[in-house]
Amino acid sequence: MLNSPLKIQRQREVLEQYGFKKSTLYTRINEGLVPRPISLGGRRAVGWIEHETQAVIAAMCAGKSQDEIKQLVIELVAQRSQLG
């Protein structure tokens, strides 16, 4: 569980943090290297959970392998059910 409030990031913020282009972001999502966004309601409104983005960036900075990052993403997404 988190000790701080959840923050949702919109696509622009996420792209800036990762340093990716939009197409690269979605390629990484499809490869399991970045968590999928959550629906914010409506037809197309989505956002990313900030602590998930930060955790993946920290893993990249630590030199984790793609397999290790994929496992991290799986764990982060599984923890979403415990956030509410």
Protein backbone atom coordinates (compact mmCIF):
# COMPACT_ATOMS: atom_id res chain seq x y z
CA MET A 1 0.00 0.00 0.00
CA LEU A 2 1.01 3.56 -0.58
CA ASN A 3 1.57 6.11 2.13
CA SER A 4 1.03 9.06 -0.20
CA PRO A 5 -1.98 10.08 -2.28
CA LEU A 6 -2.26 8.68 -5.78
CA LYS A 7 -1.44 11.01 -8.62
CA ILE A 8 -2.60 10.46 -12.16
CA GLN A 9 -0.41 11.62 -15.03
CA ARG A 10 -1.68 12.43 -18.46
CA GLN A 11 0.09 11.25 -21.60
CA ARG A 12 2.12 14.45 -22.08
CA GLU A 13 3.68 14.12 -18.61
CA VAL A 14 4.43 10.42 -19.10
CA LEU A 15 6.09 11.04 -22.46
CA GLU A 16 8.24 13.78 -20.91
CA GLN A 17 9.28 11.57 -18.01
CA TYR A 18 10.23 8.58 -20.14
CA GLY A 19 11.64 10.67 -22.96
CA PHE A 20 9.70 8.55 -25.48
CA LYS A 21 7.69 9.45 -28.52
CA LYS A 22 4.04 8.41 -28.42
CA SER A 23 4.60 5.42 -30.71
CA THR A 24 7.47 4.17 -28.53
CA LEU A 25 5.33 4.48 -25.40
CA TYR A 26 2.62 2.29 -26.88
CA THR A 27 5.15 -0.19 -28.25
CA ARG A 28 6.63 -0.51 -24.74
CA ILE A 29 3.14 -0.97 -23.28
CA ASN A 30 2.43 -3.76 -25.78
CA GLU A 31 5.78 -5.39 -24.91
CA GLY A 32 4.92 -5.30 -21.20
CA LEU A 33 7.70 -2.83 -20.37
CA VAL A 34 5.38 -0.01 -19.28
CA PRO A 35 2.09 -0.38 -17.37
CA ARG A 36 -1.10 0.20 -19.34
CA PRO A 37 -2.97 3.41 -18.54
CA ILE A 38 -6.18 3.41 -16.55
CA SER A 39 -9.50 4.73 -17.80
CA LEU A 40 -10.50 8.11 -16.45
CA GLY A 41 -14.03 7.78 -17.74
CA GLY A 42 -15.38 8.79 -21.06
CA ARG A 43 -14.36 7.17 -24.29
CA ARG A 44 -10.70 8.05 -24.57
CA ALA A 45 -9.61 9.71 -21.34
CA VAL A 46 -6.74 7.73 -19.82
CA GLY A 47 -3.96 8.36 -17.34
CA TRP A 48 -0.99 6.63 -15.78
CA ILE A 49 -0.41 6.13 -12.06
CA GLU A 50 2.61 8.25 -11.15
CA HIS A 51 4.26 5.79 -8.73
CA GLU A 52 4.15 3.09 -11.43
CA THR A 53 5.88 5.38 -13.92
CA GLN A 54 8.51 6.28 -11.33
CA ALA A 55 9.11 2.64 -10.42
CA VAL A 56 9.71 1.65 -14.05
CA ILE A 57 12.06 4.60 -14.61
CA ALA A 58 13.97 3.69 -11.43
CA ALA A 59 14.32 0.11 -12.68
CA MET A 60 15.63 1.37 -16.02
CA CYS A 61 18.14 3.62 -14.23
CA ALA A 62 19.25 0.68 -12.09
CA GLY A 63 20.08 -1.26 -15.24
CA LYS A 64 17.39 -3.91 -14.79
CA SER A 65 16.92 -6.29 -17.70
CA GLN A 66 13.81 -6.21 -19.87
CA ASP A 67 12.65 -9.43 -18.21
CA GLU A 68 13.04 -7.85 -14.76
CA ILE A 69 11.13 -4.75 -15.88
CA LYS A 70 8.36 -6.91 -17.34
CA GLN A 71 8.04 -8.69 -13.99
CA LEU A 72 7.94 -5.32 -12.20
CA VAL A 73 5.15 -4.14 -14.51
CA ILE A 74 3.17 -7.32 -13.82
CA GLU A 75 3.54 -6.74 -10.07
CA LEU A 76 2.60 -3.06 -10.29
CA VAL A 77 -0.56 -3.81 -12.27
CA ALA A 78 -1.50 -6.60 -9.85
CA GLN A 79 -1.21 -4.15 -6.93
CA ARG A 80 -3.83 -1.85 -8.45
CA SER A 81 -6.62 -3.91 -6.91
CA GLN A 82 -5.24 -3.07 -3.45
CA LEU A 83 -5.19 0.69 -4.01
CA GLY A 84 -8.89 1.30 -3.30
